[in-house]
Amino acid sequence: MIRLNLIEMPMPTGSKNPDILLSWILDAIGLVKRKSESWEDAELGALHRIMKEALLLEPLKGWDTRDLGDVCGLSQTGMHHQMVKLRDSGLVSSESYGRWHIYVLRGGSITAAINLLSIQAIGIMELRMFELGKYIHPSKERMRFLNERGEINFKIKVSEPSPSKKGHDRLDSLIEDLGLNGDRTKNEDELAKNIFIELSSSVNPITILSIAEKLSETRSRVKRTIDRFRSSGIVERVPMFDRIAQDIFSGITRQYDARGEDWLRTRGGLGRIDDDIANKLLDATKSKNLSIKKVEDCLKPLPIGSQKILLNTLGGRMPFGFIISGQDGEEVKQIVMTKVERILRRLNTVAERLDKALLED
């Protein structure tokens, strides 16, 4: 059963060093967590040694854990643990000969192994995203918020459908298989599932605070879970333009009481906008007639960019919410698949460079 993480990271541009290229591949499929920001300083762990000193040198020799342990200096228990990870990732395959499992690098080269892995990963992700799309409420209205897509490093787990655990439904299993529960989730924890249900049924952005209050969860846990959904491409963070008037109203009334009219006209930002708009806002504030509706009406002629600057100078921040990244399941699937295929193309490119570097080494 294929199980691997696809993690977006900068390519090792221009490098011909086999160690750097191999480290990048292992990191990009989630087998090793890089501790250093520099590829040149990457620590060469057990998986790296297994690949470099055995499987890349003689890919079709037929290695057992005893032989691999002799080459790499690991116990048979340690070798078994590492080979399970390599087999699950799709880089190696195994056959049983008596009491031994014999391992080979799939296809006889790292390029062939990555090609085979890529074909399987695309097929699996097409299946899983089609499955996920069934739970997403279609809405063209949702798309009016998605005009400022934020960028965040892509990460998703590729996993064939796993058996349903006792007391769990297929959505529970799917959320787990996509890695959306995180690495240390408890068996009964359904936070990721519940957040997905909230977002997939909504046509408007929802804030972290709103979700936390509705699900009786901490904001930090909700944020971490939503960040995983964002990394997967399933959820987007979007500006909530309809909240700007409310936040500017709060900023003006708060700063007027604390600092007065002169501060609002200077450092408060009202001096940067049209005098007529600024005067209307201040007159209503001084007469205690300012309301969110009044602010909204006054701000209509003002470009969104100027409204955002005014909010910042008043001490506020642009409000953001979270929303499903497409109008329906099919569009979300296409968004995710585009990111998956981009990482797989990079993996194939680096694998070809690694094979070439090994021949020249």
Foldseek 3Di string as FASTA:
>chain_A
DAKWKAWDDDFPPPDLDLQLLVVVLCVRRPNDDFPDPDSVPGDQDQLNQLVPQPCQVWQPPWDWLVNSCVRRVDDSVVSVVSVVVCVNNQQWDWDDDPPTITIGGPPSASLNSLVVSLVVQLVQLLVLLVVVQVLADFDPLLVVQQPDFDDDIAMWMRDHQDDADPPGDSLVSSCVRGCLCPDDHDPPDCLLVVVCNVQRHDSDFDALVRSCVVVVHDSVVSVVSVVNCVNLLFKTKGFDLVCLLVLLLVLVLVCCVVPNDVCCCPLLLLVVDDPVLSVQQVVCSVVVNDDSVSSVVSCVVPDPVSSQVNSVSSPHHGDIGMHGNDSGSVVSSVSSSVSSVVSSVSSSVSSVSSSVSVVVD
